Protein backbone atom coordinates (compact mmCIF):
# COMPACT_ATOMS: atom_id res chain seq x y z
CA MET A 1 -9.78 1.78 -18.12
CA GLU A 2 -11.23 -1.56 -19.17
CA GLU A 3 -7.92 -3.27 -18.32
CA LYS A 4 -7.86 -1.60 -14.92
CA ASN A 5 -11.33 -2.93 -14.09
CA GLU A 6 -10.38 -6.36 -15.38
CA LEU A 7 -7.32 -6.40 -13.14
CA ILE A 8 -9.38 -5.26 -10.15
CA ASP A 9 -11.75 -8.16 -10.81
CA VAL A 10 -8.79 -10.56 -10.92
CA PHE A 11 -7.48 -9.29 -7.56
CA ALA A 12 -10.94 -9.49 -6.04
CA SER A 13 -11.35 -13.08 -7.22
CA ILE A 14 -8.27 -14.32 -5.33
CA SER A 15 -9.18 -15.36 -1.80
CA GLU A 16 -6.24 -17.59 -0.87
CA PRO A 17 -3.10 -15.85 0.47
CA GLU A 18 -0.77 -18.38 -1.21
CA GLU A 19 -2.42 -17.81 -4.57
CA MET A 20 -2.22 -14.02 -4.10
CA SER A 21 1.45 -14.34 -3.21
CA ARG A 22 2.13 -16.35 -6.35
CA PHE A 23 0.17 -13.85 -8.45
CA PHE A 24 2.22 -10.97 -6.99
CA GLU A 25 5.42 -12.85 -7.86
CA GLU A 26 4.21 -13.40 -11.42
CA ILE A 27 2.78 -9.97 -12.24
CA PHE A 28 5.06 -7.54 -10.35
CA THR A 29 8.81 -7.08 -10.67
CA PRO A 30 10.91 -7.34 -7.50
CA ASN A 31 11.18 -3.53 -7.39
CA GLU A 32 7.42 -3.10 -7.78
CA ARG A 33 6.79 -5.57 -4.94
CA LYS A 34 9.35 -3.71 -2.81
CA ASP A 35 7.56 -0.40 -3.51
CA ILE A 36 4.17 -1.87 -2.57
CA VAL A 37 5.53 -3.26 0.70
CA LEU A 38 7.21 0.07 1.46
CA ARG A 39 3.93 1.92 0.83
CA TRP A 40 2.12 -0.41 3.25
CA LYS A 41 4.83 0.10 5.92
CA LEU A 42 4.44 3.85 5.47
CA MET A 43 0.67 3.65 5.91
CA LYS A 44 0.99 1.52 9.05
CA LEU A 45 3.52 3.91 10.60
CA LEU A 46 1.29 6.88 9.81
CA LYS A 47 -1.63 5.06 11.42
CA THR A 48 0.39 4.71 14.64
CA GLY A 49 0.84 8.47 14.74
CA MET A 50 4.58 8.46 14.06
CA PRO A 51 5.75 11.90 12.85
CA GLN A 52 6.29 12.21 9.11
CA ARG A 53 9.93 13.28 9.42
CA LYS A 54 10.70 10.26 11.59
CA ILE A 55 9.04 7.98 9.01
CA ALA A 56 11.09 9.61 6.23
CA SER A 57 14.28 8.97 8.17
CA LYS A 58 13.31 5.42 9.16
CA LEU A 59 12.23 4.30 5.69
CA GLY A 60 14.53 6.51 3.61
CA ILE A 61 11.71 8.06 1.58
CA SER A 62 10.67 11.57 0.67
CA LEU A 63 8.19 13.67 2.61
CA CYS A 64 6.13 13.95 -0.62
CA LYS A 65 5.35 10.22 -0.55
CA ILE A 66 4.55 10.44 3.13
CA THR A 67 2.26 13.45 2.66
CA ARG A 68 0.23 11.53 0.07
CA GLY A 69 -0.07 8.61 2.48
CA ALA A 70 -1.02 10.94 5.34
CA LYS A 71 -3.93 12.32 3.31
CA ILE A 72 -5.21 8.78 2.76
CA VAL A 73 -4.75 7.70 6.38
CA GLY A 74 -6.28 10.98 7.55
CA ASN A 75 -9.46 10.29 5.61
CA PRO A 76 -11.72 8.20 7.87
CA ASP A 77 -13.67 7.01 4.80
CA SER A 78 -10.62 5.68 2.94
CA VAL A 79 -10.48 1.99 2.11
CA THR A 80 -6.97 1.91 3.55
CA ASN A 81 -8.28 3.07 6.93
CA GLN A 82 -11.00 0.45 6.83
CA LEU A 83 -8.46 -2.29 6.08
CA MET A 84 -6.13 -1.20 8.89
CA LYS A 85 -8.78 -1.36 11.63
């Protein structure tokens, strides 16, 4: 858990978008970056109210991933909801 907290501190210390972009390129593989972007697209589509089955078809992902995202977006206290306002 110490490494997790250390990494969170590193992310929190980066305030410049260009630096964050470079850090993402350095620390994540192309597939990991693709997965993160896909997760964000999923969250944004859920936030618009798009039906889960339509999202699954549009993004080519399972309903299980979408259900997890829906629980997060459905929680008004989630950090994700706060960031998408």
